[in-house]
Amino acid sequence: MLKPKLLLISITVAFLSANAYAADLSESEVIELVKGNTLTATTKRKGDLKVHYYFMEDGNVLIEDDAGGGRDATWKVDGKGNLCITKHKGGWSCLPVKQAGNGKYDRYKTKGPKKIVIMKFHSVAEGNSRDM
């Protein structure tokens, strides 16, 4: 039988291995995830407000939140596999995407050894599921 301290360390290592170190999606996996689909997310900037992204096949993305706000943008996946979305004031926000389990994905930035989740994709639906 494992001693309590050793058991706690074993459980912690197993948890970290399964969750914290999920590999980033590749360029082709990101494209397959978003292209022609609607992803529903919560973002760090908007708190618990749900934001819906319809990634059209032509590189445009329609963005709508549950409070009635919305905008058009463009998207691409760069050579590193980062999902890039145009910002409100121009330029690109390019960040990696990793699988978070149970059909969920995180778009995050790295700050030192930490991964800070910027956007949590909670669901993926085929096509323009919200008729945006």
Protein backbone atom coordinates (compact mmCIF):
# COMPACT_ATOMS: atom_id res chain seq x y z
CA MET A 1 0.00 0.00 0.00
CA LEU A 2 1.29 3.47 -0.90
CA LYS A 3 1.96 5.91 1.91
CA PRO A 4 -0.42 8.94 1.92
CA LYS A 5 2.27 11.42 0.83
CA LEU A 6 3.40 9.18 -2.04
CA LEU A 7 -0.23 8.56 -3.06
CA LEU A 8 -0.87 12.31 -3.21
CA ILE A 9 2.22 12.84 -5.38
CA SER A 10 1.13 10.00 -7.71
CA ILE A 11 -2.37 11.44 -8.10
CA THR A 12 -0.98 14.94 -8.73
CA VAL A 13 1.44 13.71 -11.40
CA ALA A 14 -1.33 11.70 -13.10
CA PHE A 15 -3.64 14.74 -13.10
CA LEU A 16 -0.98 17.07 -14.52
CA SER A 17 0.02 14.56 -17.17
CA ALA A 18 -3.56 14.15 -18.36
CA ASN A 19 -4.62 17.81 -18.27
CA ALA A 20 -1.93 20.45 -18.07
CA TYR A 21 0.34 19.14 -20.78
CA ALA A 22 -2.12 18.49 -23.61
CA ALA A 23 -0.35 18.99 -26.91
CA ASP A 24 -1.18 21.92 -29.16
CA LEU A 25 -3.26 21.10 -32.21
CA SER A 26 -1.38 20.99 -35.49
CA GLU A 27 -2.09 23.38 -38.36
CA SER A 28 -4.33 20.83 -40.12
CA GLU A 29 -6.17 19.95 -36.87
CA VAL A 30 -6.96 23.63 -36.19
CA ILE A 31 -8.25 24.09 -39.74
CA GLU A 32 -10.39 20.94 -39.43
CA LEU A 33 -11.76 22.17 -36.07
CA VAL A 34 -12.85 25.64 -37.20
CA LYS A 35 -13.34 25.76 -40.98
CA GLY A 36 -17.04 25.94 -41.79
CA ASN A 37 -18.03 25.51 -38.12
CA THR A 38 -19.51 27.58 -35.31
CA LEU A 39 -17.55 27.49 -32.06
CA THR A 40 -19.06 28.78 -28.83
CA ALA A 41 -16.63 30.18 -26.29
CA THR A 42 -16.15 32.23 -23.20
CA THR A 43 -13.28 34.68 -23.34
CA LYS A 44 -11.11 36.18 -20.62
CA ARG A 45 -12.03 39.67 -21.77
CA LYS A 46 -15.81 39.12 -21.66
CA GLY A 47 -16.01 36.99 -18.50
CA ASP A 48 -18.83 34.45 -18.54
CA LEU A 49 -20.53 35.97 -21.59
CA LYS A 50 -20.79 33.42 -24.40
CA VAL A 51 -19.30 34.42 -27.73
CA HIS A 52 -20.06 32.54 -30.96
CA TYR A 53 -17.60 32.37 -33.87
CA TYR A 54 -18.68 31.18 -37.31
CA PHE A 55 -15.46 30.47 -39.23
CA MET A 56 -16.46 30.66 -42.88
CA GLU A 57 -14.51 28.68 -45.45
CA ASP A 58 -13.45 31.88 -47.27
CA GLY A 59 -11.44 33.15 -44.28
CA ASN A 60 -14.08 35.44 -42.82
CA VAL A 61 -15.43 34.94 -39.31
CA LEU A 62 -18.70 36.24 -37.90
CA ILE A 63 -18.56 36.96 -34.17
CA GLU A 64 -21.66 37.40 -32.01
CA ASP A 65 -22.12 37.47 -28.25
CA ASP A 66 -25.19 36.67 -26.16
CA ALA A 67 -25.58 40.36 -25.24
CA GLY A 68 -26.28 41.22 -28.90
CA GLY A 69 -22.85 42.54 -29.80
CA GLY A 70 -21.08 41.37 -32.91
CA ARG A 71 -18.49 42.08 -35.55
CA ASP A 72 -16.92 40.66 -38.66
CA ALA A 73 -13.30 39.61 -38.74
CA THR A 74 -10.97 37.38 -40.70
CA TRP A 75 -9.19 34.20 -39.64
CA LYS A 76 -6.26 32.10 -40.72
CA VAL A 77 -3.99 29.44 -39.31
CA ASP A 78 -0.31 30.34 -39.49
CA GLY A 79 2.53 27.92 -40.25
CA LYS A 80 2.99 27.21 -36.53
CA GLY A 81 -0.60 26.00 -36.11
CA ASN A 82 -1.75 29.17 -34.32
CA LEU A 83 -5.36 30.26 -34.82
CA CYS A 84 -5.21 33.90 -35.92
CA ILE A 85 -8.18 36.27 -35.72
CA THR A 86 -8.06 39.95 -36.68
CA LYS A 87 -8.30 42.36 -33.75
CA HIS A 88 -10.79 45.24 -33.43
CA LYS A 89 -8.12 47.85 -34.19
CA GLY A 90 -6.28 45.87 -36.85
CA GLY A 91 -3.47 43.36 -36.76
CA TRP A 92 -3.67 39.70 -35.89
CA SER A 93 -4.05 37.84 -32.61
CA CYS A 94 -2.32 34.50 -33.25
CA LEU A 95 -2.47 31.94 -30.44
CA PRO A 96 -2.13 28.16 -30.18
CA VAL A 97 -5.09 25.86 -29.52
CA LYS A 98 -4.97 22.77 -27.33
CA GLN A 99 -7.48 20.08 -26.55
CA ALA A 100 -8.97 20.55 -23.07
CA GLY A 101 -10.93 17.29 -23.00
CA ASN A 102 -14.61 16.38 -23.46
CA GLY A 103 -14.80 18.08 -26.87
CA LYS A 104 -13.52 21.39 -25.47
CA TYR A 105 -10.53 23.42 -26.62
CA ASP A 106 -8.46 26.28 -25.18
CA ARG A 107 -6.83 29.12 -27.09
CA TYR A 108 -4.03 30.40 -24.87
CA LYS A 109 -0.94 32.54 -24.55
CA THR A 110 2.26 31.65 -22.76
CA LYS A 111 3.68 33.89 -20.06
CA GLY A 112 6.89 32.38 -18.75
CA PRO A 113 6.13 28.79 -17.73
CA LYS A 114 2.36 29.49 -17.45
CA LYS A 115 -0.30 28.97 -20.08
CA ILE A 116 -3.00 31.62 -19.71
CA VAL A 117 -6.28 30.64 -21.34
CA ILE A 118 -7.67 33.51 -23.40
CA MET A 119 -10.61 31.67 -24.93
CA LYS A 120 -12.39 28.45 -23.93
CA PHE A 121 -14.26 26.79 -26.79
CA HIS A 122 -17.12 24.86 -25.16
CA SER A 123 -18.84 23.49 -28.24
CA VAL A 124 -18.34 22.98 -31.94
CA ALA A 125 -21.29 22.81 -34.35
CA GLU A 126 -21.24 22.21 -38.09
CA GLY A 127 -22.04 25.16 -40.31
CA ASN A 128 -23.59 28.46 -39.24
CA SER A 129 -25.65 26.92 -36.43
CA ARG A 130 -26.82 30.33 -35.15
CA ASP A 131 -27.78 31.79 -38.55
CA MET A 132 -25.48 34.76 -38.07
